[in-house]
């Protein structure tokens, strides 16, 4: 999985976000990134908050364990998840 990289203490995900979708869900891989559709609009950080909440629920980690390292204002994001293993991520995200 080119969008998943294990780092000390967790994993880093390369994510492509599609805001204002009909519902929040993972739709697979696109251009080497995990594509996530978000129901939230891309205003005032709502899409970023929705992404963090969605990933926290799927990966069963606290929201505080997830940080957006790059791409906060764009669709292509680099997300660090502390306390998660690559195996757990592969099992939780199709």
PDB file of N, CA and C in Angstrom:
ATOM      1  N   UNK A   1       0.845  -1.175   0.000  1.00  0.00           N
ATOM      2  CA  UNK A   1       0.000   0.000   0.000  1.00  0.00           C
ATOM      3  C   UNK A   1       0.891   1.238   0.000  1.00  0.00           C
ATOM      4  N   UNK A   2       0.932   1.934  -1.105  1.00  0.00           N
ATOM      5  CA  UNK A   2       1.830   3.098  -1.196  1.00  0.00           C
ATOM      6  C   UNK A   2       1.410   4.259  -0.297  1.00  0.00           C
ATOM      7  N   UNK A   3       0.170   4.279   0.172  1.00  0.00           N
ATOM      8  CA  UNK A   3      -0.320   5.388   0.994  1.00  0.00           C
ATOM      9  C   UNK A   3      -0.075   5.177   2.488  1.00  0.00           C
ATOM     10  N   UNK A   4       0.513   4.037   2.849  1.00  0.00           N
ATOM     11  CA  UNK A   4       0.732   3.706   4.253  1.00  0.00           C
ATOM     12  C   UNK A   4       2.220   3.510   4.518  1.00  0.00           C
ATOM     13  N   UNK A   5       2.732   4.188   5.547  1.00  0.00           N
ATOM     14  CA  UNK A   5       4.142   4.067   5.913  1.00  0.00           C
ATOM     15  C   UNK A   5       4.241   3.976   7.434  1.00  0.00           C
ATOM     16  N   UNK A   6       4.936   2.948   7.913  1.00  0.00           N
ATOM     17  CA  UNK A   6       5.130   2.815   9.358  1.00  0.00           C
ATOM     18  C   UNK A   6       6.292   3.694   9.792  1.00  0.00           C
ATOM     19  N   UNK A   7       6.107   4.387  10.906  1.00  0.00           N
ATOM     20  CA  UNK A   7       7.129   5.246  11.499  1.00  0.00           C
ATOM     21  C   UNK A   7       7.206   4.896  12.984  1.00  0.00           C
ATOM     22  N   UNK A   8       8.286   5.292  13.674  1.00  0.00           N
ATOM     23  CA  UNK A   8       8.365   5.000  15.110  1.00  0.00           C
ATOM     24  C   UNK A   8       7.147   5.547  15.863  1.00  0.00           C
ATOM     25  N   UNK A   9       6.437   4.667  16.543  1.00  0.00           N
ATOM     26  CA  UNK A   9       5.289   5.073  17.350  1.00  0.00           C
ATOM     27  C   UNK A   9       3.969   5.129  16.624  1.00  0.00           C
ATOM     28  N   UNK A  10       3.949   4.864  15.317  1.00  0.00           N
ATOM     29  CA  UNK A  10       2.678   4.923  14.597  1.00  0.00           C
ATOM     30  C   UNK A  10       2.833   4.737  13.101  1.00  0.00           C
ATOM     31  N   UNK A  11       1.953   5.397  12.359  1.00  0.00           N
ATOM     32  CA  UNK A  11       1.959   5.301  10.900  1.00  0.00           C
ATOM     33  C   UNK A  11       1.728   6.678  10.291  1.00  0.00           C
ATOM     34  N   UNK A  12       2.098   6.799   9.024  1.00  0.00           N
ATOM     35  CA  UNK A  12       1.814   8.006   8.251  1.00  0.00           C
ATOM     36  C   UNK A  12       0.979   7.582   7.054  1.00  0.00           C
ATOM     37  N   UNK A  13      -0.116   8.303   6.823  1.00  0.00           N
ATOM     38  CA  UNK A  13      -1.019   8.022   5.710  1.00  0.00           C
ATOM     39  C   UNK A  13      -0.965   9.169   4.711  1.00  0.00           C
ATOM     40  N   UNK A  14      -0.918   8.819   3.443  1.00  0.00           N
ATOM     41  CA  UNK A  14      -1.045   9.813   2.379  1.00  0.00           C
ATOM     42  C   UNK A  14      -2.497   9.741   1.926  1.00  0.00           C
ATOM     43  N   UNK A  15      -3.227  10.834   2.084  1.00  0.00           N
ATOM     44  CA  UNK A  15      -4.678  10.841   1.888  1.00  0.00           C
ATOM     45  C   UNK A  15      -5.076  11.863   0.829  1.00  0.00           C
ATOM     46  N   UNK A  16      -6.051  11.491   0.010  1.00  0.00           N
ATOM     47  CA  UNK A  16      -6.696  12.412  -0.920  1.00  0.00           C
ATOM     48  C   UNK A  16      -8.125  12.587  -0.428  1.00  0.00           C
ATOM     49  N   UNK A  17      -8.493  13.826  -0.113  1.00  0.00           N
ATOM     50  CA  UNK A  17      -9.797  14.116   0.475  1.00  0.00           C
ATOM     51  C   UNK A  17     -10.730  14.703  -0.579  1.00  0.00           C
ATOM     52  N   UNK A  18     -11.970  14.227  -0.578  1.00  0.00           N
ATOM     53  CA  UNK A  18     -13.010  14.799  -1.434  1.00  0.00           C
ATOM     54  C   UNK A  18     -14.100  15.345  -0.510  1.00  0.00           C
ATOM     55  N   UNK A  19     -14.084  16.662  -0.246  1.00  0.00           N
ATOM     56  CA  UNK A  19     -15.100  17.238   0.645  1.00  0.00           C
ATOM     57  C   UNK A  19     -16.461  17.362  -0.050  1.00  0.00           C
ATOM     58  N   UNK A  20     -17.467  17.631   0.756  1.00  0.00           N
ATOM     59  CA  UNK A  20     -18.854  17.810   0.290  1.00  0.00           C
ATOM     60  C   UNK A  20     -19.403  16.592  -0.457  1.00  0.00           C
ATOM     61  N   UNK A  21     -19.023  15.409  -0.015  1.00  0.00           N
ATOM     62  CA  UNK A  21     -19.565  14.182  -0.592  1.00  0.00           C
ATOM     63  C   UNK A  21     -20.912  13.886   0.076  1.00  0.00           C
ATOM     64  N   UNK A  22     -21.638  12.928  -0.464  1.00  0.00           N
ATOM     65  CA  UNK A  22     -22.942  12.606   0.120  1.00  0.00           C
ATOM     66  C   UNK A  22     -22.796  11.974   1.502  1.00  0.00           C
ATOM     67  N   UNK A  23     -21.683  11.262   1.736  1.00  0.00           N
ATOM     68  CA  UNK A  23     -21.426  10.689   3.058  1.00  0.00           C
ATOM     69  C   UNK A  23     -19.927  10.501   3.247  1.00  0.00           C
ATOM     70  N   UNK A  24     -19.511  10.308   4.477  1.00  0.00           N
ATOM     71  CA  UNK A  24     -18.096  10.130   4.795  1.00  0.00           C
ATOM     72  C   UNK A  24     -17.750   8.653   4.707  1.00  0.00           C
ATOM     73  N   UNK A  25     -16.744   8.347   3.880  1.00  0.00           N
ATOM     74  CA  UNK A  25     -16.340   6.952   3.695  1.00  0.00           C
ATOM     75  C   UNK A  25     -15.009   6.877   2.954  1.00  0.00           C
ATOM     76  N   UNK A  26     -14.364   5.717   3.061  1.00  0.00           N
ATOM     77  CA  UNK A  26     -13.157   5.427   2.289  1.00  0.00           C
ATOM     78  C   UNK A  26     -13.615   4.810   0.977  1.00  0.00           C
ATOM     79  N   UNK A  27     -13.103   5.321  -0.133  1.00  0.00           N
ATOM     80  CA  UNK A  27     -13.524   4.781  -1.434  1.00  0.00           C
ATOM     81  C   UNK A  27     -12.408   4.032  -2.151  1.00  0.00           C
ATOM     82  N   UNK A  28     -11.263   3.860  -1.492  1.00  0.00           N
ATOM     83  CA  UNK A  28     -10.190   3.080  -2.091  1.00  0.00           C
ATOM     84  C   UNK A  28      -8.937   3.899  -2.310  1.00  0.00           C
ATOM     85  N   UNK A  29      -8.160   3.455  -3.289  1.00  0.00           N
ATOM     86  CA  UNK A  29      -6.887   4.097  -3.578  1.00  0.00           C
ATOM     87  C   UNK A  29      -7.003   4.909  -4.869  1.00  0.00           C
ATOM     88  N   UNK A  30      -6.390   6.085  -4.870  1.00  0.00           N
ATOM     89  CA  UNK A  30      -6.384   6.927  -6.061  1.00  0.00           C
ATOM     90  C   UNK A  30      -5.035   7.625  -6.149  1.00  0.00           C
ATOM     91  N   UNK A  31      -4.330   7.384  -7.231  1.00  0.00           N
ATOM     92  CA  UNK A  31      -3.047   8.054  -7.475  1.00  0.00           C
ATOM     93  C   UNK A  31      -2.065   7.842  -6.321  1.00  0.00           C
ATOM     94  N   UNK A  32      -2.027   6.619  -5.773  1.00  0.00           N
ATOM     95  CA  UNK A  32      -1.097   6.295  -4.704  1.00  0.00           C
ATOM     96  C   UNK A  32      -1.483   6.812  -3.340  1.00  0.00           C
ATOM     97  N   UNK A  33      -2.693   7.321  -3.192  1.00  0.00           N
ATOM     98  CA  UNK A  33      -3.173   7.840  -1.909  1.00  0.00           C
ATOM     99  C   UNK A  33      -4.485   7.151  -1.537  1.00  0.00           C
ATOM    100  N   UNK A  34      -4.780   7.153  -0.253  1.00  0.00           N
ATOM    101  CA  UNK A  34      -6.053   6.648   0.233  1.00  0.00           C
ATOM    102  C   UNK A  34      -7.093   7.737  -0.009  1.00  0.00           C
ATOM    103  N   UNK A  35      -8.133   7.425  -0.766  1.00  0.00           N
ATOM    104  CA  UNK A  35      -9.159   8.434  -1.064  1.00  0.00           C
ATOM    105  C   UNK A  35     -10.288   8.331  -0.049  1.00  0.00           C
ATOM    106  N   UNK A  36     -10.566   9.467   0.583  1.00  0.00           N
ATOM    107  CA  UNK A  36     -11.619   9.543   1.595  1.00  0.00           C
ATOM    108  C   UNK A  36     -12.597  10.632   1.179  1.00  0.00           C
ATOM    109  N   UNK A  37     -13.867  10.245   1.063  1.00  0.00           N
ATOM    110  CA  UNK A  37     -14.923  11.221   0.800  1.00  0.00           C
ATOM    111  C   UNK A  37     -15.447  11.710   2.143  1.00  0.00           C
ATOM    112  N   UNK A  38     -15.599  13.025   2.275  1.00  0.00           N
ATOM    113  CA  UNK A  38     -16.080  13.621   3.519  1.00  0.00           C
ATOM    114  C   UNK A  38     -17.366  14.395   3.260  1.00  0.00           C
ATOM    115  N   UNK A  39     -18.340  14.236   4.130  1.00  0.00           N
ATOM    116  CA  UNK A  39     -19.595  14.979   3.998  1.00  0.00           C
ATOM    117  C   UNK A  39     -19.392  16.450   4.346  1.00  0.00           C
ATOM    118  N   UNK A  40     -18.363  16.748   5.106  1.00  0.00           N
ATOM    119  CA  UNK A  40     -18.121  18.125   5.565  1.00  0.00           C
ATOM    120  C   UNK A  40     -17.610  19.011   4.425  1.00  0.00           C
ATOM    121  N   UNK A  41     -17.953  20.300   4.482  1.00  0.00           N
ATOM    122  CA  UNK A  41     -17.441  21.244   3.480  1.00  0.00           C
ATOM    123  C   UNK A  41     -16.018  21.681   3.832  1.00  0.00           C
ATOM    124  N   UNK A  42     -15.267  22.148   2.844  1.00  0.00           N
ATOM    125  CA  UNK A  42     -13.885  22.559   3.105  1.00  0.00           C
ATOM    126  C   UNK A  42     -13.776  24.004   3.591  1.00  0.00           C
ATOM    127  N   UNK A  43     -14.547  24.354   4.613  1.00  0.00           N
ATOM    128  CA  UNK A  43     -14.506  25.713   5.153  1.00  0.00           C
ATOM    129  C   UNK A  43     -14.207  25.696   6.647  1.00  0.00           C
ATOM    130  N   UNK A  44     -13.413  26.655   7.079  1.00  0.00           N
ATOM    131  CA  UNK A  44     -13.092  26.825   8.500  1.00  0.00           C
ATOM    132  C   UNK A  44     -12.566  25.550   9.154  1.00  0.00           C
ATOM    133  N   UNK A  45     -11.856  24.724   8.407  1.00  0.00           N
ATOM    134  CA  UNK A  45     -11.264  23.518   8.972  1.00  0.00           C
ATOM    135  C   UNK A  45     -12.235  22.383   9.226  1.00  0.00           C
ATOM    136  N   UNK A  46     -13.480  22.514   8.757  1.00  0.00           N
ATOM    137  CA  UNK A  46     -14.480  21.476   9.018  1.00  0.00           C
ATOM    138  C   UNK A  46     -14.096  20.141   8.394  1.00  0.00           C
ATOM    139  N   UNK A  47     -13.567  20.170   7.170  1.00  0.00           N
ATOM    140  CA  UNK A  47     -13.177  18.922   6.509  1.00  0.00           C
ATOM    141  C   UNK A  47     -12.025  18.257   7.257  1.00  0.00           C
ATOM    142  N   UNK A  48     -11.065  19.046   7.734  1.00  0.00           N
ATOM    143  CA  UNK A  48      -9.946  18.482   8.497  1.00  0.00           C
ATOM    144  C   UNK A  48     -10.446  17.838   9.792  1.00  0.00           C
ATOM    145  N   UNK A  49     -11.345  18.517  10.483  1.00  0.00           N
ATOM    146  CA  UNK A  49     -11.906  17.966  11.713  1.00  0.00           C
ATOM    147  C   UNK A  49     -12.670  16.677  11.433  1.00  0.00           C
ATOM    148  N   UNK A  50     -13.424  16.663  10.339  1.00  0.00           N
ATOM    149  CA  UNK A  50     -14.186  15.466   9.973  1.00  0.00           C
ATOM    150  C   UNK A  50     -13.246  14.311   9.628  1.00  0.00           C
ATOM    151  N   UNK A  51     -12.153  14.611   8.934  1.00  0.00           N
ATOM    152  CA  UNK A  51     -11.179  13.572   8.591  1.00  0.00           C
ATOM    153  C   UNK A  51     -10.559  12.982   9.846  1.00  0.00           C
ATOM    154  N   UNK A  52     -10.143  13.820  10.776  1.00  0.00           N
ATOM    155  CA  UNK A  52      -9.534  13.348  12.022  1.00  0.00           C
ATOM    156  C   UNK A  52     -10.532  12.503  12.809  1.00  0.00           C
ATOM    157  N   UNK A  53     -11.771  12.962  12.922  1.00  0.00           N
ATOM    158  CA  UNK A  53     -12.797  12.216  13.662  1.00  0.00           C
ATOM    159  C   UNK A  53     -13.083  10.875  12.996  1.00  0.00           C
ATOM    160  N   UNK A  54     -13.176  10.872  11.683  1.00  0.00           N
ATOM    161  CA  UNK A  54     -13.454   9.639  10.929  1.00  0.00           C
ATOM    162  C   UNK A  54     -12.321   8.633  11.125  1.00  0.00           C
ATOM    163  N   UNK A  55     -11.083   9.072  10.943  1.00  0.00           N
ATOM    164  CA  UNK A  55      -9.943   8.167  11.094  1.00  0.00           C
ATOM    165  C   UNK A  55      -9.813   7.666  12.527  1.00  0.00           C
ATOM    166  N   UNK A  56     -10.059   8.534  13.505  1.00  0.00           N
ATOM    167  CA  UNK A  56      -9.986   8.122  14.910  1.00  0.00           C
ATOM    168  C   UNK A  56     -10.992   7.008  15.192  1.00  0.00           C
ATOM    169  N   UNK A  57     -12.200   7.144  14.666  1.00  0.00           N
ATOM    170  CA  UNK A  57     -13.217   6.117  14.862  1.00  0.00           C
ATOM    171  C   UNK A  57     -12.868   4.812  14.179  1.00  0.00           C
ATOM    172  N   UNK A  58     -12.396   4.892  12.954  1.00  0.00           N
ATOM    173  CA  UNK A  58     -12.048   3.691  12.198  1.00  0.00           C
ATOM    174  C   UNK A  58     -10.858   2.956  12.797  1.00  0.00           C
ATOM    175  N   UNK A  59      -9.852   3.720  13.242  1.00  0.00           N
ATOM    176  CA  UNK A  59      -8.611   3.114  13.732  1.00  0.00           C
ATOM    177  C   UNK A  59      -8.605   2.913  15.245  1.00  0.00           C
ATOM    178  N   UNK A  60      -9.687   3.350  15.910  1.00  0.00           N
ATOM    179  CA  UNK A  60      -9.843   3.199  17.356  1.00  0.00           C
ATOM    180  C   UNK A  60      -8.683   3.823  18.129  1.00  0.00           C
ATOM    181  N   UNK A  61      -8.380   5.065  17.778  1.00  0.00           N
ATOM    182  CA  UNK A  61      -7.389   5.857  18.515  1.00  0.00           C
ATOM    183  C   UNK A  61      -8.054   7.173  18.909  1.00  0.00           C
ATOM    184  N   UNK A  62      -7.409   7.899  19.812  1.00  0.00           N
ATOM    185  CA  UNK A  62      -7.954   9.195  20.224  1.00  0.00           C
ATOM    186  C   UNK A  62      -7.730  10.227  19.122  1.00  0.00           C
ATOM    187  N   UNK A  63      -8.600  11.209  19.049  1.00  0.00           N
ATOM    188  CA  UNK A  63      -8.427  12.278  18.054  1.00  0.00           C
ATOM    189  C   UNK A  63      -7.085  12.973  18.229  1.00  0.00           C
ATOM    190  N   UNK A  64      -6.643  13.101  19.477  1.00  0.00           N
ATOM    191  CA  UNK A  64      -5.373  13.746  19.766  1.00  0.00           C
ATOM    192  C   UNK A  64      -4.169  12.988  19.234  1.00  0.00           C
ATOM    193  N   UNK A  65      -4.359  11.714  18.902  1.00  0.00           N
ATOM    194  CA  UNK A  65      -3.264  10.899  18.355  1.00  0.00           C
ATOM    195  C   UNK A  65      -3.111  11.090  16.849  1.00  0.00           C
ATOM    196  N   UNK A  66      -3.992  11.876  16.248  1.00  0.00           N
ATOM    197  CA  UNK A  66      -3.965  12.087  14.801  1.00  0.00           C
ATOM    198  C   UNK A  66      -3.616  13.539  14.516  1.00  0.00           C
ATOM    199  N   UNK A  67      -2.659  13.741  13.625  1.00  0.00           N
ATOM    200  CA  UNK A  67      -2.295  15.102  13.240  1.00  0.00           C
ATOM    201  C   UNK A  67      -2.105  15.182  11.732  1.00  0.00           C
ATOM    202  N   UNK A  68      -2.510  16.306  11.170  1.00  0.00           N
ATOM    203  CA  UNK A  68      -2.303  16.556   9.742  1.00  0.00           C
ATOM    204  C   UNK A  68      -0.960  17.263   9.616  1.00  0.00           C
ATOM    205  N   UNK A  69       0.003  16.570   9.041  1.00  0.00           N
ATOM    206  CA  UNK A  69       1.360  17.105   8.961  1.00  0.00           C
ATOM    207  C   UNK A  69       1.564  18.019   7.761  1.00  0.00           C
ATOM    208  N   UNK A  70       0.927  17.678   6.650  1.00  0.00           N
ATOM    209  CA  UNK A  70       1.041  18.503   5.444  1.00  0.00           C
ATOM    210  C   UNK A  70      -0.302  18.531   4.733  1.00  0.00           C
ATOM    211  N   UNK A  71      -0.565  19.628   4.042  1.00  0.00           N
ATOM    212  CA  UNK A  71      -1.764  19.724   3.221  1.00  0.00           C
ATOM    213  C   UNK A  71      -3.004  20.171   3.955  1.00  0.00           C
ATOM    214  N   UNK A  72      -2.836  20.927   5.015  1.00  0.00           N
ATOM    215  CA  UNK A  72      -3.990  21.340   5.813  1.00  0.00           C
ATOM    216  C   UNK A  72      -5.029  22.102   4.997  1.00  0.00           C
ATOM    217  N   UNK A  73      -4.588  22.849   3.986  1.00  0.00           N
ATOM    218  CA  UNK A  73      -5.540  23.631   3.189  1.00  0.00           C
ATOM    219  C   UNK A  73      -5.796  23.013   1.814  1.00  0.00           C
ATOM    220  N   UNK A  74      -5.217  21.856   1.537  1.00  0.00           N
ATOM    221  CA  UNK A  74      -5.406  21.231   0.225  1.00  0.00           C
ATOM    222  C   UNK A  74      -6.117  19.896   0.334  1.00  0.00           C
ATOM    223  N   UNK A  75      -6.321  19.272  -0.813  1.00  0.00           N
ATOM    224  CA  UNK A  75      -6.982  17.964  -0.847  1.00  0.00           C
ATOM    225  C   UNK A  75      -6.000  16.826  -0.566  1.00  0.00           C
ATOM    226  N   UNK A  76      -4.737  17.035  -0.879  1.00  0.00           N
ATOM    227  CA  UNK A  76      -3.706  16.013  -0.634  1.00  0.00           C
ATOM    228  C   UNK A  76      -3.082  16.267   0.727  1.00  0.00           C
ATOM    229  N   UNK A  77      -3.254  15.288   1.632  1.00  0.00           N
ATOM    230  CA  UNK A  77      -2.816  15.469   3.011  1.00  0.00           C
ATOM    231  C   UNK A  77      -1.889  14.334   3.448  1.00  0.00           C
ATOM    232  N   UNK A  78      -0.984  14.673   4.331  1.00  0.00           N
ATOM    233  CA  UNK A  78      -0.151  13.686   5.004  1.00  0.00           C
ATOM    234  C   UNK A  78      -0.597  13.671   6.455  1.00  0.00           C
ATOM    235  N   UNK A  79      -1.048  12.502   6.913  1.00  0.00           N
ATOM    236  CA  UNK A  79      -1.642  12.378   8.245  1.00  0.00           C
ATOM    237  C   UNK A  79      -0.827  11.393   9.078  1.00  0.00           C
ATOM    238  N   UNK A  80      -0.441  11.815  10.276  1.00  0.00           N
ATOM    239  CA  UNK A  80       0.290  10.937  11.198  1.00  0.00           C
ATOM    240  C   UNK A  80      -0.683  10.408  12.247  1.00  0.00           C
ATOM    241  N   UNK A  81      -0.642   9.089  12.460  1.00  0.00           N
ATOM    242  CA  UNK A  81      -1.490   8.447  13.462  1.00  0.00           C
ATOM    243  C   UNK A  81      -0.573   7.753  14.470  1.00  0.00           C
ATOM    244  N   UNK A  82      -0.533   8.266  15.677  1.00  0.00           N
ATOM    245  CA  UNK A  82       0.296   7.674  16.721  1.00  0.00           C
ATOM    246  C   UNK A  82      -0.474   6.533  17.391  1.00  0.00           C
ATOM    247  N   UNK A  83       0.245   5.495  17.763  1.00  0.00           N
ATOM    248  CA  UNK A  83      -0.377   4.386  18.482  1.00  0.00           C
ATOM    249  C   UNK A  83      -1.090   3.385  17.595  1.00  0.00           C
ATOM    250  N   UNK A  84      -0.927   3.503  16.276  1.00  0.00           N
ATOM    251  CA  UNK A  84      -1.551   2.548  15.355  1.00  0.00           C
ATOM    252  C   UNK A  84      -0.453   1.804  14.600  1.00  0.00           C
ATOM    253  N   UNK A  85      -0.689   0.537  14.304  1.00  0.00           N
ATOM    254  CA  UNK A  85       0.266  -0.244  13.534  1.00  0.00           C
ATOM    255  C   UNK A  85      -0.205  -0.330  12.084  1.00  0.00           C
ATOM    256  N   UNK A  86       0.721  -0.626  11.206  1.00  0.00           N
ATOM    257  CA  UNK A  86       0.372  -0.794   9.803  1.00  0.00           C
ATOM    258  C   UNK A  86      -0.650  -1.909   9.622  1.00  0.00           C
ATOM    259  N   UNK A  87      -0.506  -2.966  10.396  1.00  0.00           N
ATOM    260  CA  UNK A  87      -1.436  -4.096  10.313  1.00  0.00           C
ATOM    261  C   UNK A  87      -2.841  -3.673  10.714  1.00  0.00           C
ATOM    262  N   UNK A  88      -2.947  -2.894  11.785  1.00  0.00           N
ATOM    263  CA  UNK A  88      -4.256  -2.426  12.258  1.00  0.00           C
ATOM    264  C   UNK A  88      -4.910  -1.520  11.214  1.00  0.00           C
ATOM    265  N   UNK A  89      -4.114  -0.669  10.582  1.00  0.00           N
ATOM    266  CA  UNK A  89      -4.644   0.234   9.561  1.00  0.00           C
ATOM    267  C   UNK A  89      -5.132  -0.547   8.351  1.00  0.00           C
ATOM    268  N   UNK A  90      -4.351  -1.525   7.923  1.00  0.00           N
ATOM    269  CA  UNK A  90      -4.753  -2.348   6.776  1.00  0.00           C
ATOM    270  C   UNK A  90      -6.059  -3.087   7.061  1.00  0.00           C
ATOM    271  N   UNK A  91      -6.245  -3.510   8.325  1.00  0.00           N
ATOM    272  CA  UNK A  91      -7.467  -4.203   8.694  1.00  0.00           C
ATOM    273  C   UNK A  91      -8.679  -3.296   8.808  1.00  0.00           C
ATOM    274  N   UNK A  92      -8.454  -2.044   9.190  1.00  0.00           N
ATOM    275  CA  UNK A  92      -9.569  -1.123   9.438  1.00  0.00           C
ATOM    276  C   UNK A  92      -9.976  -0.326   8.191  1.00  0.00           C
ATOM    277  N   UNK A  93      -9.029  -0.082   7.293  1.00  0.00           N
ATOM    278  CA  UNK A  93      -9.322   0.725   6.102  1.00  0.00           C
ATOM    279  C   UNK A  93      -9.192  -0.159   4.867  1.00  0.00           C
ATOM    280  N   UNK A  94     -10.269  -0.301   4.101  1.00  0.00           N
ATOM    281  CA  UNK A  94     -10.225  -1.183   2.918  1.00  0.00           C
ATOM    282  C   UNK A  94      -9.281  -0.674   1.842  1.00  0.00           C
TER     283      UNK A  94
END
